[in-house]
Structure formats: structure tokens, C-alpha cells
């Protein structure tokens, strides 16, 4: 497991969103096969953007209140936040380019 990826609880999640960096959050569950297939992509994003973007994984079974707050109905769902607001959402198993295009545009 990469140290670039955070696994926040609810209060840590709030701190993360309130931080100075944009945040990419992967909402997932252990039993979800597409989520497991997406995990290496999320790891790569964490390493590629270390220091410029916070990357987190939220297990919806452990933190259902976060999943409910952001209307997660299907997993994996990946949300890109800027200044605490969700600005882009990808649902389902997507290639790394689907994320890097949006992240690169945000980071400039």
C-alpha cells in the first residue's frame, strides 16, 4: 500500500478537504471487484501527483455517512475536489487518462 494514499476517517476527511491541495477521493468497498481493479490506478495517481494533490480512498462500508453525503450509488466512484467542493466525478472502472486529464487541467 502506498504511503501517498490516505485512508481518512470522517474527521480526517473534513481536514483533507479543507487543506490547501485539491483532493482526489476513491469511494470503494473491499467486495467490489472493479474497485480492486482500479486500486493500482489510484496508487499511480497518488505517486504521480505527490505534493500537488492529496489522494484518498474511502471505504463506503466503514464510512457510509460520507458515501451518503456525496450521493454515492455505484462504486467505484472517484470525485475530484477543489477548495472543498466536488468539481468532477468519474463512475466505474476508468483508464488513468480519464483522471489525469482533469487533474492536469486543474493543476495547470
Protein backbone atom coordinates (compact mmCIF):
# COMPACT_ATOMS: atom_id res chain seq x y z
CA UNK A 1 0.00 0.00 0.00
CA UNK A 2 1.34 3.39 -0.99
CA UNK A 3 2.04 6.00 1.64
CA UNK A 4 0.83 8.57 -0.91
CA UNK A 5 -2.75 7.33 -0.42
CA UNK A 6 -4.70 8.43 2.64
CA UNK A 7 -7.44 6.37 4.27
CA UNK A 8 -9.26 9.03 6.29
CA UNK A 9 -11.99 8.67 8.87
CA UNK A 10 -14.80 11.24 8.80
CA UNK A 11 -12.99 13.98 10.73
CA UNK A 12 -9.75 13.41 8.79
CA UNK A 13 -11.76 13.62 5.57
CA UNK A 14 -13.02 17.08 6.56
CA UNK A 15 -9.45 18.19 7.32
CA UNK A 16 -8.27 16.84 3.98
CA UNK A 17 -10.92 18.74 2.04
CA UNK A 18 -10.10 21.89 3.98
CA UNK A 19 -6.42 21.65 3.12
CA UNK A 20 -4.52 23.70 0.57
CA UNK A 21 -4.34 20.97 -2.11
CA UNK A 22 -7.03 19.59 -4.40
CA UNK A 23 -8.18 16.11 -3.33
CA UNK A 24 -8.99 13.01 -5.40
CA UNK A 25 -11.22 10.58 -3.48
CA UNK A 26 -11.91 6.98 -4.49
CA UNK A 27 -15.13 5.70 -2.89
CA UNK A 28 -14.83 1.91 -2.87
CA UNK A 29 -15.53 -1.33 -0.96
CA UNK A 30 -13.46 -4.43 -0.31
CA UNK A 31 -16.01 -6.73 -2.00
CA UNK A 32 -16.16 -4.63 -5.22
CA UNK A 33 -14.08 -6.25 -7.98
CA UNK A 34 -13.97 -3.14 -10.25
CA UNK A 35 -12.78 -1.19 -7.17
CA UNK A 36 -9.95 -3.66 -6.70
CA UNK A 37 -9.04 -3.35 -10.37
CA UNK A 38 -8.98 0.45 -10.05
CA UNK A 39 -6.69 0.36 -6.98
CA UNK A 40 -3.39 0.32 -8.96
CA UNK A 41 -4.55 3.35 -10.97
CA UNK A 42 -5.32 5.25 -7.76
CA UNK A 43 -1.88 4.26 -6.41
CA UNK A 44 -0.21 5.58 -9.58
CA UNK A 45 -2.10 8.86 -9.30
CA UNK A 46 -1.02 9.23 -5.68
CA UNK A 47 2.61 8.75 -6.64
CA UNK A 48 2.47 10.87 -9.81
CA UNK A 49 0.88 13.89 -8.11
CA UNK A 50 2.52 13.60 -4.68
CA UNK A 51 2.97 17.04 -3.15
CA UNK A 52 0.45 18.66 -5.52
CA UNK A 53 -2.71 16.58 -4.99
CA UNK A 54 -3.99 14.63 -2.00
CA UNK A 55 -5.33 11.19 -2.90
CA UNK A 56 -7.66 9.30 -0.58
CA UNK A 57 -9.67 6.10 -0.52
CA UNK A 58 -12.94 5.96 1.44
CA UNK A 59 -14.38 2.52 2.19
CA UNK A 60 -18.15 3.04 1.93
CA UNK A 61 -18.83 0.12 4.28
CA UNK A 62 -16.71 1.73 7.02
CA UNK A 63 -17.88 5.30 6.34
CA UNK A 64 -21.43 5.14 4.91
CA UNK A 65 -22.12 8.71 6.05
CA UNK A 66 -19.53 10.01 3.57
CA UNK A 67 -20.97 7.91 0.77
CA UNK A 68 -24.44 9.24 1.57
CA UNK A 69 -23.23 12.86 1.79
CA UNK A 70 -21.84 12.68 -1.76
CA UNK A 71 -24.68 10.61 -3.24
CA UNK A 72 -22.56 7.55 -4.00
CA UNK A 73 -24.87 4.99 -5.59
CA UNK A 74 -22.37 2.98 -7.60
CA UNK A 75 -18.76 2.09 -6.93
CA UNK A 76 -16.07 2.75 -7.73
CA UNK A 77 -16.84 6.47 -7.79
CA UNK A 78 -13.93 8.89 -7.91
CA UNK A 79 -14.52 12.55 -7.08
CA UNK A 80 -12.04 15.37 -7.64
CA UNK A 81 -12.43 18.17 -5.07
CA UNK A 82 -11.04 21.69 -5.27
CA UNK A 83 -11.31 24.08 -2.32
CA UNK A 84 -13.58 21.55 -0.61
CA UNK A 85 -16.08 21.37 -3.48
CA UNK A 86 -16.61 18.42 -5.82
CA UNK A 87 -15.71 19.55 -9.33
CA UNK A 88 -15.56 16.29 -11.30
CA UNK A 89 -16.89 12.75 -10.86
CA UNK A 90 -15.99 9.51 -12.63
CA UNK A 91 -18.15 6.44 -12.02
CA UNK A 92 -16.99 2.92 -12.75
CA UNK A 93 -13.67 1.48 -13.83
CA UNK A 94 -11.90 4.08 -15.98
CA UNK A 95 -8.41 4.28 -17.50
CA UNK A 96 -5.79 6.51 -15.88
CA UNK A 97 -6.17 9.13 -18.66
CA UNK A 98 -9.73 9.83 -17.51
CA UNK A 99 -8.28 11.15 -14.26
CA UNK A 100 -5.00 12.70 -15.42
CA UNK A 101 -6.74 14.96 -17.96
CA UNK A 102 -8.94 16.51 -15.27
CA UNK A 103 -6.15 16.69 -12.69
CA UNK A 104 -3.69 18.26 -15.14
CA UNK A 105 -6.31 20.83 -16.17
CA UNK A 106 -6.92 21.71 -12.53
CA UNK A 107 -3.28 21.89 -11.53
CA UNK A 108 -2.29 23.79 -14.66
